[in-house]
Amino acid sequence: MFPGLRQVGIARGRDEILIDEPGVLGDGGNSGFQAINLAAQCGAAKLILVGFDMRLDLGVHWHGKHGRGLNNPTERNLAKWRGIIDGSAQRLAQLGVAVINASAVSALEAFPKMSLTEALQC
């Protein structure tokens, strides 16, 4: 139905950057981590994180709370996700992936922080 479309899988419970099996991503508990993993698998040399606030004090999501049937993050979730994403910094560096955090506000600490304009000029 969709020629060229390729499905990726999530290795549930594996909270690490996976590259050995194309199309199988580490879980990390959230789609942001999974997007980072996918970019690393596809050979990205530089990632610019935007919208990785990983905090609740300014609201649950930029778009408001998810509707019925979908979960919203809790502080416990966010603490876990921050640890997983920050904890992936060394692995990403080993893979040659430079990561810049250009999120306006962010609780992540492992990646250089700069404005989006600065990050795009690097």
PDB file of N, CA and C in Angstrom:
ATOM      1  N   MET A   1       0.818  -1.192   0.000  1.00  0.00           N
ATOM      2  CA  MET A   1       0.000   0.000   0.000  1.00  0.00           C
ATOM      3  C   MET A   1       0.872   1.270   0.000  1.00  0.00           C
ATOM      4  N   PHE A   2       2.002   1.224   0.712  1.00  0.00           N
ATOM      5  CA  PHE A   2       2.911   2.364   0.794  1.00  0.00           C
ATOM      6  C   PHE A   2       4.313   1.909   0.388  1.00  0.00           C
ATOM      7  N   PRO A   3       4.626   1.929  -0.881  1.00  0.00           N
ATOM      8  CA  PRO A   3       5.935   1.462  -1.342  1.00  0.00           C
ATOM      9  C   PRO A   3       7.077   2.211  -0.662  1.00  0.00           C
ATOM     10  N   GLY A   4       8.078   1.486  -0.256  1.00  0.00           N
ATOM     11  CA  GLY A   4       9.249   2.092   0.378  1.00  0.00           C
ATOM     12  C   GLY A   4       9.095   2.382   1.860  1.00  0.00           C
ATOM     13  N   LEU A   5       7.904   2.228   2.393  1.00  0.00           N
ATOM     14  CA  LEU A   5       7.685   2.471   3.818  1.00  0.00           C
ATOM     15  C   LEU A   5       8.305   1.332   4.620  1.00  0.00           C
ATOM     16  N   ARG A   6       9.078   1.694   5.639  1.00  0.00           N
ATOM     17  CA  ARG A   6       9.725   0.677   6.468  1.00  0.00           C
ATOM     18  C   ARG A   6       9.318   0.891   7.912  1.00  0.00           C
ATOM     19  N   GLN A   7       8.959  -0.172   8.554  1.00  0.00           N
ATOM     20  CA  GLN A   7       8.537  -0.123   9.943  1.00  0.00           C
ATOM     21  C   GLN A   7       9.736  -0.321  10.861  1.00  0.00           C
ATOM     22  N   VAL A   8       9.750   0.409  11.971  1.00  0.00           N
ATOM     23  CA  VAL A   8      10.773   0.188  12.985  1.00  0.00           C
ATOM     24  C   VAL A   8      10.109  -0.446  14.196  1.00  0.00           C
ATOM     25  N   GLY A   9      10.902  -1.179  14.944  1.00  0.00           N
ATOM     26  CA  GLY A   9      10.408  -1.818  16.147  1.00  0.00           C
ATOM     27  C   GLY A   9      11.094  -1.226  17.364  1.00  0.00           C
ATOM     28  N   ILE A  10      10.469  -1.387  18.493  1.00  0.00           N
ATOM     29  CA  ILE A  10      11.007  -0.902  19.761  1.00  0.00           C
ATOM     30  C   ILE A  10      11.346  -2.109  20.621  1.00  0.00           C
ATOM     31  N   ALA A  11      12.581  -2.162  21.093  1.00  0.00           N
ATOM     32  CA  ALA A  11      13.010  -3.240  21.989  1.00  0.00           C
ATOM     33  C   ALA A  11      12.577  -2.842  23.402  1.00  0.00           C
ATOM     34  N   ARG A  12      11.392  -3.232  23.772  1.00  0.00           N
ATOM     35  CA  ARG A  12      10.802  -2.841  25.064  1.00  0.00           C
ATOM     36  C   ARG A  12      11.727  -3.190  26.218  1.00  0.00           C
ATOM     37  N   GLY A  13      11.907  -2.222  27.096  1.00  0.00           N
ATOM     38  CA  GLY A  13      12.735  -2.429  28.280  1.00  0.00           C
ATOM     39  C   GLY A  13      14.220  -2.217  28.056  1.00  0.00           C
ATOM     40  N   ARG A  14      14.641  -2.010  26.820  1.00  0.00           N
ATOM     41  CA  ARG A  14      16.063  -1.756  26.518  1.00  0.00           C
ATOM     42  C   ARG A  14      16.248  -0.254  26.392  1.00  0.00           C
ATOM     43  N   ASP A  15      16.674   0.352  27.463  1.00  0.00           N
ATOM     44  CA  ASP A  15      16.800   1.809  27.529  1.00  0.00           C
ATOM     45  C   ASP A  15      18.200   2.256  27.132  1.00  0.00           C
ATOM     46  N   GLU A  16      18.592   1.886  25.914  1.00  0.00           N
ATOM     47  CA  GLU A  16      19.924   2.197  25.416  1.00  0.00           C
ATOM     48  C   GLU A  16      19.855   2.424  23.916  1.00  0.00           C
ATOM     49  N   ILE A  17      20.849   3.142  23.396  1.00  0.00           N
ATOM     50  CA  ILE A  17      20.944   3.368  21.956  1.00  0.00           C
ATOM     51  C   ILE A  17      21.356   2.058  21.292  1.00  0.00           C
ATOM     52  N   LEU A  18      20.514   1.569  20.396  1.00  0.00           N
ATOM     53  CA  LEU A  18      20.786   0.322  19.687  1.00  0.00           C
ATOM     54  C   LEU A  18      21.104   0.635  18.233  1.00  0.00           C
ATOM     55  N   ILE A  19      22.178   0.050  17.730  1.00  0.00           N
ATOM     56  CA  ILE A  19      22.525   0.275  16.318  1.00  0.00           C
ATOM     57  C   ILE A  19      22.818  -1.017  15.560  1.00  0.00           C
ATOM     58  N   ASP A  20      22.973  -2.117  16.248  1.00  0.00           N
ATOM     59  CA  ASP A  20      23.397  -3.363  15.610  1.00  0.00           C
ATOM     60  C   ASP A  20      22.348  -3.988  14.698  1.00  0.00           C
ATOM     61  N   GLU A  21      21.090  -3.782  14.999  1.00  0.00           N
ATOM     62  CA  GLU A  21      20.018  -4.351  14.189  1.00  0.00           C
ATOM     63  C   GLU A  21      19.184  -3.207  13.607  1.00  0.00           C
ATOM     64  N   PRO A  22      19.425  -2.866  12.339  1.00  0.00           N
ATOM     65  CA  PRO A  22      18.683  -1.753  11.725  1.00  0.00           C
ATOM     66  C   PRO A  22      17.182  -1.922  11.874  1.00  0.00           C
ATOM     67  N   GLY A  23      16.534  -0.837  12.277  1.00  0.00           N
ATOM     68  CA  GLY A  23      15.081  -0.866  12.426  1.00  0.00           C
ATOM     69  C   GLY A  23      14.603  -1.305  13.791  1.00  0.00           C
ATOM     70  N   VAL A  24      15.517  -1.617  14.705  1.00  0.00           N
ATOM     71  CA  VAL A  24      15.141  -1.955  16.079  1.00  0.00           C
ATOM     72  C   VAL A  24      15.765  -0.905  16.991  1.00  0.00           C
ATOM     73  N   LEU A  25      14.916  -0.181  17.695  1.00  0.00           N
ATOM     74  CA  LEU A  25      15.344   0.947  18.510  1.00  0.00           C
ATOM     75  C   LEU A  25      15.238   0.634  19.989  1.00  0.00           C
ATOM     76  N   GLY A  26      16.091   1.288  20.775  1.00  0.00           N
ATOM     77  CA  GLY A  26      15.962   1.206  22.223  1.00  0.00           C
ATOM     78  C   GLY A  26      14.671   1.881  22.651  1.00  0.00           C
ATOM     79  N   ASP A  27      14.129   1.440  23.747  1.00  0.00           N
ATOM     80  CA  ASP A  27      12.839   1.929  24.230  1.00  0.00           C
ATOM     81  C   ASP A  27      12.957   3.337  24.822  1.00  0.00           C
ATOM     82  N   GLY A  28      13.706   3.490  25.877  1.00  0.00           N
ATOM     83  CA  GLY A  28      13.887   4.789  26.506  1.00  0.00           C
ATOM     84  C   GLY A  28      12.648   5.364  27.150  1.00  0.00           C
ATOM     85  N   GLY A  29      11.508   4.713  26.979  1.00  0.00           N
ATOM     86  CA  GLY A  29      10.278   5.167  27.610  1.00  0.00           C
ATOM     87  C   GLY A  29       9.552   6.280  26.887  1.00  0.00           C
ATOM     88  N   ASN A  30      10.171   6.857  25.841  1.00  0.00           N
ATOM     89  CA  ASN A  30       9.497   7.961  25.159  1.00  0.00           C
ATOM     90  C   ASN A  30       9.965   8.089  23.714  1.00  0.00           C
ATOM     91  N   SER A  31       9.145   8.732  22.916  1.00  0.00           N
ATOM     92  CA  SER A  31       9.418   8.846  21.484  1.00  0.00           C
ATOM     93  C   SER A  31      10.610   9.749  21.184  1.00  0.00           C
ATOM     94  N   GLY A  32      10.922  10.693  22.068  1.00  0.00           N
ATOM     95  CA  GLY A  32      12.099  11.535  21.856  1.00  0.00           C
ATOM     96  C   GLY A  32      13.371  10.712  21.852  1.00  0.00           C
ATOM     97  N   PHE A  33      13.507   9.824  22.818  1.00  0.00           N
ATOM     98  CA  PHE A  33      14.665   8.930  22.865  1.00  0.00           C
ATOM     99  C   PHE A  33      14.698   8.047  21.625  1.00  0.00           C
ATOM    100  N   GLN A  34      13.547   7.537  21.244  1.00  0.00           N
ATOM    101  CA  GLN A  34      13.472   6.660  20.084  1.00  0.00           C
ATOM    102  C   GLN A  34      13.864   7.405  18.805  1.00  0.00           C
ATOM    103  N   ALA A  35      13.496   8.679  18.692  1.00  0.00           N
ATOM    104  CA  ALA A  35      13.891   9.487  17.534  1.00  0.00           C
ATOM    105  C   ALA A  35      15.407   9.699  17.514  1.00  0.00           C
ATOM    106  N   ILE A  36      16.000   9.921  18.687  1.00  0.00           N
ATOM    107  CA  ILE A  36      17.456  10.051  18.785  1.00  0.00           C
ATOM    108  C   ILE A  36      18.114   8.760  18.313  1.00  0.00           C
ATOM    109  N   ASN A  37      17.592   7.631  18.771  1.00  0.00           N
ATOM    110  CA  ASN A  37      18.148   6.331  18.381  1.00  0.00           C
ATOM    111  C   ASN A  37      18.025   6.111  16.880  1.00  0.00           C
ATOM    112  N   LEU A  38      16.873   6.449  16.312  1.00  0.00           N
ATOM    113  CA  LEU A  38      16.674   6.274  14.873  1.00  0.00           C
ATOM    114  C   LEU A  38      17.651   7.140  14.079  1.00  0.00           C
ATOM    115  N   ALA A  39      17.841   8.378  14.498  1.00  0.00           N
ATOM    116  CA  ALA A  39      18.785   9.262  13.807  1.00  0.00           C
ATOM    117  C   ALA A  39      20.204   8.692  13.869  1.00  0.00           C
ATOM    118  N   ALA A  40      20.581   8.170  15.029  1.00  0.00           N
ATOM    119  CA  ALA A  40      21.916   7.564  15.168  1.00  0.00           C
ATOM    120  C   ALA A  40      22.051   6.358  14.250  1.00  0.00           C
ATOM    121  N   GLN A  41      21.011   5.538  14.175  1.00  0.00           N
ATOM    122  CA  GLN A  41      21.047   4.373  13.275  1.00  0.00           C
ATOM    123  C   GLN A  41      21.166   4.779  11.818  1.00  0.00           C
ATOM    124  N   CYS A  42      20.581   5.899  11.476  1.00  0.00           N
ATOM    125  CA  CYS A  42      20.591   6.357  10.078  1.00  0.00           C
ATOM    126  C   CYS A  42      21.862   7.121   9.728  1.00  0.00           C
ATOM    127  N   GLY A  43      22.789   7.214  10.688  1.00  0.00           N
ATOM    128  CA  GLY A  43      24.076   7.815  10.399  1.00  0.00           C
ATOM    129  C   GLY A  43      24.187   9.307  10.647  1.00  0.00           C
ATOM    130  N   ALA A  44      23.268   9.870  11.394  1.00  0.00           N
ATOM    131  CA  ALA A  44      23.340  11.305  11.686  1.00  0.00           C
ATOM    132  C   ALA A  44      24.641  11.631  12.403  1.00  0.00           C
ATOM    133  N   ALA A  45      25.264  12.718  12.010  1.00  0.00           N
ATOM    134  CA  ALA A  45      26.494  13.173  12.660  1.00  0.00           C
ATOM    135  C   ALA A  45      26.203  14.264  13.684  1.00  0.00           C
ATOM    136  N   LYS A  46      25.050  14.910  13.549  1.00  0.00           N
ATOM    137  CA  LYS A  46      24.685  16.004  14.452  1.00  0.00           C
ATOM    138  C   LYS A  46      23.181  15.975  14.696  1.00  0.00           C
ATOM    139  N   LEU A  47      22.810  16.086  15.948  1.00  0.00           N
ATOM    140  CA  LEU A  47      21.400  16.172  16.323  1.00  0.00           C
ATOM    141  C   LEU A  47      21.179  17.461  17.087  1.00  0.00           C
ATOM    142  N   ILE A  48      20.092  18.130  16.790  1.00  0.00           N
ATOM    143  CA  ILE A  48      19.699  19.319  17.536  1.00  0.00           C
ATOM    144  C   ILE A  48      18.376  18.992  18.207  1.00  0.00           C
ATOM    145  N   LEU A  49      18.406  18.952  19.530  1.00  0.00           N
ATOM    146  CA  LEU A  49      17.196  18.649  20.290  1.00  0.00           C
ATOM    147  C   LEU A  49      16.372  19.922  20.448  1.00  0.00           C
ATOM    148  N   VAL A  50      15.103  19.845  20.096  1.00  0.00           N
ATOM    149  CA  VAL A  50      14.182  20.964  20.246  1.00  0.00           C
ATOM    150  C   VAL A  50      12.923  20.409  20.911  1.00  0.00           C
ATOM    151  N   GLY A  51      12.499  21.046  21.977  1.00  0.00           N
ATOM    152  CA  GLY A  51      11.295  20.600  22.673  1.00  0.00           C
ATOM    153  C   GLY A  51      11.540  19.495  23.688  1.00  0.00           C
ATOM    154  N   PHE A  52      12.779  19.277  24.061  1.00  0.00           N
ATOM    155  CA  PHE A  52      13.128  18.275  25.066  1.00  0.00           C
ATOM    156  C   PHE A  52      13.189  18.957  26.432  1.00  0.00           C
ATOM    157  N   ASP A  53      12.051  19.488  26.879  1.00  0.00           N
ATOM    158  CA  ASP A  53      12.043  20.206  28.157  1.00  0.00           C
ATOM    159  C   ASP A  53      12.192  19.261  29.340  1.00  0.00           C
ATOM    160  N   MET A  54      11.578  18.089  29.299  1.00  0.00           N
ATOM    161  CA  MET A  54      11.718  17.073  30.343  1.00  0.00           C
ATOM    162  C   MET A  54      11.391  17.600  31.740  1.00  0.00           C
ATOM    163  N   ARG A  55      10.362  18.424  31.807  1.00  0.00           N
ATOM    164  CA  ARG A  55       9.929  19.009  33.082  1.00  0.00           C
ATOM    165  C   ARG A  55       8.433  19.295  33.005  1.00  0.00           C
ATOM    166  N   LEU A  56       7.808  19.441  34.175  1.00  0.00           N
ATOM    167  CA  LEU A  56       6.368  19.676  34.235  1.00  0.00           C
ATOM    168  C   LEU A  56       5.982  21.076  34.696  1.00  0.00           C
ATOM    169  N   ASP A  57       6.920  21.817  35.252  1.00  0.00           N
ATOM    170  CA  ASP A  57       6.553  23.098  35.866  1.00  0.00           C
ATOM    171  C   ASP A  57       6.012  24.128  34.875  1.00  0.00           C
ATOM    172  N   LEU A  58       6.252  23.929  33.587  1.00  0.00           N
ATOM    173  CA  LEU A  58       5.730  24.858  32.581  1.00  0.00           C
ATOM    174  C   LEU A  58       4.578  24.248  31.781  1.00  0.00           C
ATOM    175  N   GLY A  59       4.066  23.118  32.234  1.00  0.00           N
ATOM    176  CA  GLY A  59       2.965  22.447  31.547  1.00  0.00           C
ATOM    177  C   GLY A  59       3.359  21.044  31.121  1.00  0.00           C
ATOM    178  N   VAL A  60       2.363  20.226  30.858  1.00  0.00           N
ATOM    179  CA  VAL A  60       2.594  18.824  30.530  1.00  0.00           C
ATOM    180  C   VAL A  60       3.207  18.669  29.142  1.00  0.00           C
ATOM    181  N   HIS A  61       2.632  19.321  28.157  1.00  0.00           N
ATOM    182  CA  HIS A  61       3.104  19.289  26.771  1.00  0.00           C
ATOM    183  C   HIS A  61       2.884  20.678  26.183  1.00  0.00           C
ATOM    184  N   TRP A  62       3.551  20.977  25.111  1.00  0.00           N
ATOM    185  CA  TRP A  62       3.307  22.251  24.435  1.00  0.00           C
ATOM    186  C   TRP A  62       1.876  22.322  23.912  1.00  0.00           C
ATOM    187  N   HIS A  63       1.276  21.169  23.672  1.00  0.00           N
ATOM    188  CA  HIS A  63      -0.078  21.102  23.109  1.00  0.00           C
ATOM    189  C   HIS A  63      -1.137  20.823  24.166  1.00  0.00           C
ATOM    190  N   GLY A  64      -0.777  20.838  25.427  1.00  0.00           N
ATOM    191  CA  GLY A  64      -1.726  20.508  26.488  1.00  0.00           C
ATOM    192  C   GLY A  64      -1.757  19.013  26.758  1.00  0.00           C
ATOM    193  N   LYS A  65      -2.592  18.628  27.688  1.00  0.00           N
ATOM    194  CA  LYS A  65      -2.668  17.219  28.085  1.00  0.00           C
ATOM    195  C   LYS A  65      -3.244  16.359  26.972  1.00  0.00           C
ATOM    196  N   HIS A  66      -2.761  15.105  26.932  1.00  0.00           N
ATOM    197  CA  HIS A  66      -3.338  14.129  26.014  1.00  0.00           C
ATOM    198  C   HIS A  66      -4.772  13.853  26.432  1.00  0.00           C
ATOM    199  N   GLY A  67      -5.575  13.493  25.472  1.00  0.00           N
ATOM    200  CA  GLY A  67      -6.966  13.163  25.743  1.00  0.00           C
ATOM    201  C   GLY A  67      -7.117  11.788  26.367  1.00  0.00           C
ATOM    202  N   ARG A  68      -8.321  11.425  26.550  1.00  0.00           N
ATOM    203  CA  ARG A  68      -8.678  10.145  27.151  1.00  0.00           C
ATOM    204  C   ARG A  68      -8.010   8.988  26.413  1.00  0.00           C
ATOM    205  N   GLY A  69      -7.475   8.042  27.187  1.00  0.00           N
ATOM    206  CA  GLY A  69      -6.860   6.858  26.615  1.00  0.00           C
ATOM    207  C   GLY A  69      -5.359   6.973  26.397  1.00  0.00           C
ATOM    208  N   LEU A  70      -4.820   8.185  26.526  1.00  0.00           N
ATOM    209  CA  LEU A  70      -3.381   8.375  26.376  1.00  0.00           C
ATOM    210  C   LEU A  70      -2.803   8.874  27.695  1.00  0.00           C
ATOM    211  N   ASN A  71      -1.627   8.392  28.025  1.00  0.00           N
ATOM    212  CA  ASN A  71      -0.985   8.802  29.272  1.00  0.00           C
ATOM    213  C   ASN A  71      -0.305  10.155  29.126  1.00  0.00           C
ATOM    214  N   ASN A  72      -0.249  10.879  30.230  1.00  0.00           N
ATOM    215  CA  ASN A  72       0.512  12.111  30.327  1.00  0.00           C
ATOM    216  C   ASN A  72       1.697  11.846  31.250  1.00  0.00           C
ATOM    217  N   PRO A  73       2.828  12.505  31.025  1.00  0.00           N
ATOM    218  CA  PRO A  73       3.992  12.224  31.859  1.00  0.00           C
ATOM    219  C   PRO A  73       3.800  12.660  33.296  1.00  0.00           C
ATOM    220  N   THR A  74       4.432  11.911  34.184  1.00  0.00           N
ATOM    221  CA  THR A  74       4.486  12.270  35.592  1.00  0.00           C
ATOM    222  C   THR A  74       5.920  12.674  35.906  1.00  0.00           C
ATOM    223  N   GLU A  75       6.146  13.280  37.050  1.00  0.00           N
ATOM    224  CA  GLU A  75       7.515  13.641  37.425  1.00  0.00           C
ATOM    225  C   GLU A  75       8.388  12.393  37.502  1.00  0.00           C
ATOM    226  N   ARG A  76       7.814  11.300  37.937  1.00  0.00           N
ATOM    227  CA  ARG A  76       8.571  10.041  37.993  1.00  0.00           C
ATOM    228  C   ARG A  76       9.012   9.606  36.593  1.00  0.00           C
ATOM    229  N   ASN A  77       8.078   9.669  35.612  1.00  0.00           N
ATOM    230  CA  ASN A  77       8.432   9.343  34.221  1.00  0.00           C
ATOM    231  C   ASN A  77       9.560  10.242  33.740  1.00  0.00           C
ATOM    232  N   LEU A  78       9.410  11.538  33.963  1.00  0.00           N
ATOM    233  CA  LEU A  78      10.387  12.500  33.466  1.00  0.00           C
ATOM    234  C   LEU A  78      11.763  12.288  34.079  1.00  0.00           C
ATOM    235  N   ALA A  79      11.813  11.983  35.355  1.00  0.00           N
ATOM    236  CA  ALA A  79      13.108  11.716  36.001  1.00  0.00           C
ATOM    237  C   ALA A  79      13.780  10.512  35.342  1.00  0.00           C
ATOM    238  N   LYS A  80      13.003   9.482  35.065  1.00  0.00           N
ATOM    239  CA  LYS A  80      13.546   8.297  34.405  1.00  0.00           C
ATOM    240  C   LYS A  80      14.021   8.645  32.998  1.00  0.00           C
ATOM    241  N   TRP A  81      13.197   9.355  32.236  1.00  0.00           N
ATOM    242  CA  TRP A  81      13.539   9.703  30.858  1.00  0.00           C
ATOM    243  C   TRP A  81      14.773  10.598  30.798  1.00  0.00           C
ATOM    244  N   ARG A  82      14.872  11.559  31.730  1.00  0.00           N
ATOM    245  CA  ARG A  82      16.053  12.424  31.779  1.00  0.00           C
ATOM    246  C   ARG A  82      17.306  11.586  31.990  1.00  0.00           C
ATOM    247  N   GLY A  83      17.232  10.640  32.913  1.00  0.00           N
ATOM    248  CA  GLY A  83      18.373   9.775  33.186  1.00  0.00           C
ATOM    249  C   GLY A  83      18.771   8.949  31.977  1.00  0.00           C
ATOM    250  N   ILE A  84      17.794   8.452  31.259  1.00  0.00           N
ATOM    251  CA  ILE A  84      18.073   7.624  30.080  1.00  0.00           C
ATOM    252  C   ILE A  84      18.681   8.470  28.966  1.00  0.00           C
ATOM    253  N   ILE A  85      18.093   9.628  28.690  1.00  0.00           N
ATOM    254  CA  ILE A  85      18.611  10.468  27.607  1.00  0.00           C
ATOM    255  C   ILE A  85      19.975  11.030  27.972  1.00  0.00           C
ATOM    256  N   ASP A  86      20.116  11.591  29.167  1.00  0.00           N
ATOM    257  CA  ASP A  86      21.432  12.085  29.593  1.00  0.00           C
ATOM    258  C   ASP A  86      22.446  10.938  29.616  1.00  0.00           C
ATOM    259  N   GLY A  87      22.008   9.771  30.024  1.00  0.00           N
ATOM    260  CA  GLY A  87      22.889   8.613  30.095  1.00  0.00           C
ATOM    261  C   GLY A  87      23.341   8.096  28.740  1.00  0.00           C
ATOM    262  N   SER A  88      22.685   8.521  27.676  1.00  0.00           N
ATOM    263  CA  SER A  88      23.063   8.085  26.329  1.00  0.00           C
ATOM    264  C   SER A  88      24.141   8.972  25.706  1.00  0.00           C
ATOM    265  N   ALA A  89      24.510  10.053  26.379  1.00  0.00           N
ATOM    266  CA  ALA A  89      25.465  11.018  25.812  1.00  0.00           C
ATOM    267  C   ALA A  89      26.797  10.365  25.443  1.00  0.00           C
ATOM    268  N   GLN A  90      27.332   9.564  26.318  1.00  0.00           N
ATOM    269  CA  GLN A  90      28.631   8.940  26.051  1.00  0.00           C
ATOM    270  C   GLN A  90      28.547   7.987  24.858  1.00  0.00           C
ATOM    271  N   ARG A  91      27.507   7.200  24.793  1.00  0.00           N
ATOM    272  CA  ARG A  91      27.332   6.252  23.680  1.00  0.00           C
ATOM    273  C   ARG A  91      27.195   7.006  22.360  1.00  0.00           C
ATOM    274  N   LEU A  92      26.424   8.081  22.369  1.00  0.00           N
ATOM    275  CA  LEU A  92      26.264   8.869  21.146  1.00  0.00           C
ATOM    276  C   LEU A  92      27.594   9.465  20.710  1.00  0.00           C
ATOM    277  N   ALA A  93      28.365   9.957  21.661  1.00  0.00           N
ATOM    278  CA  ALA A  93      29.685  10.512  21.345  1.00  0.00           C
ATOM    279  C   ALA A  93      30.588   9.427  20.754  1.00  0.00           C
ATOM    280  N   GLN A  94      30.538   8.223  21.313  1.00  0.00           N
ATOM    281  CA  GLN A  94      31.336   7.106  20.777  1.00  0.00           C
ATOM    282  C   GLN A  94      30.952   6.798  19.334  1.00  0.00           C
ATOM    283  N   LEU A  95      29.694   7.000  19.012  1.00  0.00           N
ATOM    284  CA  LEU A  95      29.199   6.737  17.661  1.00  0.00           C
ATOM    285  C   LEU A  95      29.480   7.904  16.716  1.00  0.00           C
ATOM    286  N   GLY A  96      30.043   8.979  17.254  1.00  0.00           N
ATOM    287  CA  GLY A  96      30.344  10.148  16.433  1.00  0.00           C
ATOM    288  C   GLY A  96      29.164  11.063  16.200  1.00  0.00           C
ATOM    289  N   VAL A  97      28.166  10.979  17.072  1.00  0.00           N
ATOM    290  CA  VAL A  97      26.979  11.814  16.948  1.00  0.00           C
ATOM    291  C   VAL A  97      27.095  12.979  17.932  1.00  0.00           C
ATOM    292  N   ALA A  98      27.201  14.187  17.402  1.00  0.00           N
ATOM    293  CA  ALA A  98      27.232  15.394  18.234  1.00  0.00           C
ATOM    294  C   ALA A  98      25.791  15.797  18.525  1.00  0.00           C
ATOM    295  N   VAL A  99      25.485  16.042  19.784  1.00  0.00           N
ATOM    296  CA  VAL A  99      24.123  16.406  20.182  1.00  0.00           C
ATOM    297  C   VAL A  99      24.156  17.769  20.847  1.00  0.00           C
ATOM    298  N   ILE A 100      23.300  18.652  20.378  1.00  0.00           N
ATOM    299  CA  ILE A 100      23.150  19.990  20.948  1.00  0.00           C
ATOM    300  C   ILE A 100      21.718  20.112  21.451  1.00  0.00           C
ATOM    301  N   ASN A 101      21.565  20.607  22.661  1.00  0.00           N
ATOM    302  CA  ASN A 101      20.233  20.819  23.220  1.00  0.00           C
ATOM    303  C   ASN A 101      19.825  22.267  22.975  1.00  0.00           C
ATOM    304  N   ALA A 102      18.942  22.465  22.000  1.00  0.00           N
ATOM    305  CA  ALA A 102      18.453  23.803  21.668  1.00  0.00           C
ATOM    306  C   ALA A 102      17.030  24.017  22.167  1.00  0.00           C
ATOM    307  N   SER A 103      16.607  23.214  23.117  1.00  0.00           N
ATOM    308  CA  SER A 103      15.290  23.395  23.722  1.00  0.00           C
ATOM    309  C   SER A 103      15.306  24.689  24.524  1.00  0.00           C
ATOM    310  N   ALA A 104      14.244  25.477  24.413  1.00  0.00           N
ATOM    311  CA  ALA A 104      14.201  26.777  25.098  1.00  0.00           C
ATOM    312  C   ALA A 104      14.420  26.626  26.598  1.00  0.00           C
ATOM    313  N   VAL A 105      13.773  25.664  27.194  1.00  0.00           N
ATOM    314  CA  VAL A 105      13.984  25.315  28.605  1.00  0.00           C
ATOM    315  C   VAL A 105      14.144  23.811  28.648  1.00  0.00           C
ATOM    316  N   SER A 106      15.058  23.310  29.446  1.00  0.00           N
ATOM    317  CA  SER A 106      15.288  21.870  29.464  1.00  0.00           C
ATOM    318  C   SER A 106      15.948  21.455  30.767  1.00  0.00           C
ATOM    319  N   ALA A 107      15.529  20.314  31.272  1.00  0.00           N
ATOM    320  CA  ALA A 107      16.143  19.746  32.469  1.00  0.00           C
ATOM    321  C   ALA A 107      17.264  18.768  32.109  1.00  0.00           C
ATOM    322  N   LEU A 108      17.501  18.533  30.820  1.00  0.00           N
ATOM    323  CA  LEU A 108      18.626  17.684  30.414  1.00  0.00           C
ATOM    324  C   LEU A 108      19.930  18.412  30.717  1.00  0.00           C
ATOM    325  N   GLU A 109      20.951  17.660  31.097  1.00  0.00           N
ATOM    326  CA  GLU A 109      22.209  18.283  31.506  1.00  0.00           C
ATOM    327  C   GLU A 109      23.436  17.774  30.750  1.00  0.00           C
ATOM    328  N   ALA A 110      23.317  16.719  29.980  1.00  0.00           N
ATOM    329  CA  ALA A 110      24.501  16.062  29.412  1.00  0.00           C
ATOM    330  C   ALA A 110      24.956  16.617  28.066  1.00  0.00           C
ATOM    331  N   PHE A 111      24.156  17.471  27.453  1.00  0.00           N
ATOM    332  CA  PHE A 111      24.478  17.964  26.119  1.00  0.00           C
ATOM    333  C   PHE A 111      24.678  19.473  26.147  1.00  0.00           C
ATOM    334  N   PRO A 112      25.586  19.986  25.303  1.00  0.00           N
ATOM    335  CA  PRO A 112      25.769  21.438  25.244  1.00  0.00           C
ATOM    336  C   PRO A 112      24.448  22.138  24.943  1.00  0.00           C
ATOM    337  N   LYS A 113      24.202  23.248  25.609  1.00  0.00           N
ATOM    338  CA  LYS A 113      22.952  23.990  25.468  1.00  0.00           C
ATOM    339  C   LYS A 113      23.230  25.277  24.714  1.00  0.00           C
ATOM    340  N   MET A 114      22.409  25.564  23.713  1.00  0.00           N
ATOM    341  CA  MET A 114      22.500  26.828  22.990  1.00  0.00           C
ATOM    342  C   MET A 114      21.172  27.104  22.313  1.00  0.00           C
ATOM    343  N   SER A 115      21.025  28.307  21.796  1.00  0.00           N
ATOM    344  CA  SER A 115      19.791  28.648  21.102  1.00  0.00           C
ATOM    345  C   SER A 115      19.717  27.868  19.786  1.00  0.00           C
ATOM    346  N   LEU A 116      18.519  27.789  19.242  1.00  0.00           N
ATOM    347  CA  LEU A 116      18.344  27.091  17.973  1.00  0.00           C
ATOM    348  C   LEU A 116      19.139  27.785  16.870  1.00  0.00           C
ATOM    349  N   THR A 117      19.144  29.100  16.868  1.00  0.00           N
ATOM    350  CA  THR A 117      19.903  29.846  15.855  1.00  0.00           C
ATOM    351  C   THR A 117      21.379  29.502  15.937  1.00  0.00           C
ATOM    352  N   GLU A 118      21.936  29.483  17.139  1.00  0.00           N
ATOM    353  CA  GLU A 118      23.355  29.119  17.318  1.00  0.00           C
ATOM    354  C   GLU A 118      23.615  27.689  16.866  1.00  0.00           C
ATOM    355  N   ALA A 119      22.719  26.770  17.250  1.00  0.00           N
ATOM    356  CA  ALA A 119      22.897  25.358  16.904  1.00  0.00           C
ATOM    357  C   ALA A 119      22.880  25.141  15.401  1.00  0.00           C
ATOM    358  N   LEU A 120      22.042  25.859  14.704  1.00  0.00           N
ATOM    359  CA  LEU A 120      21.958  25.715  13.254  1.00  0.00           C
ATOM    360  C   LEU A 120      23.197  26.266  12.554  1.00  0.00           C
ATOM    361  N   GLN A 121      23.916  27.150  13.214  1.00  0.00           N
ATOM    362  CA  GLN A 121      25.127  27.732  12.629  1.00  0.00           C
ATOM    363  C   GLN A 121      26.376  26.903  12.912  1.00  0.00           C
ATOM    364  N   CYS A 122      26.284  25.937  13.815  1.00  0.00           N
ATOM    365  CA  CYS A 122      27.446  25.111  14.154  1.00  0.00           C
ATOM    366  C   CYS A 122      27.753  24.101  13.073  1.00  0.00           C
TER     367      CYS A 122
END
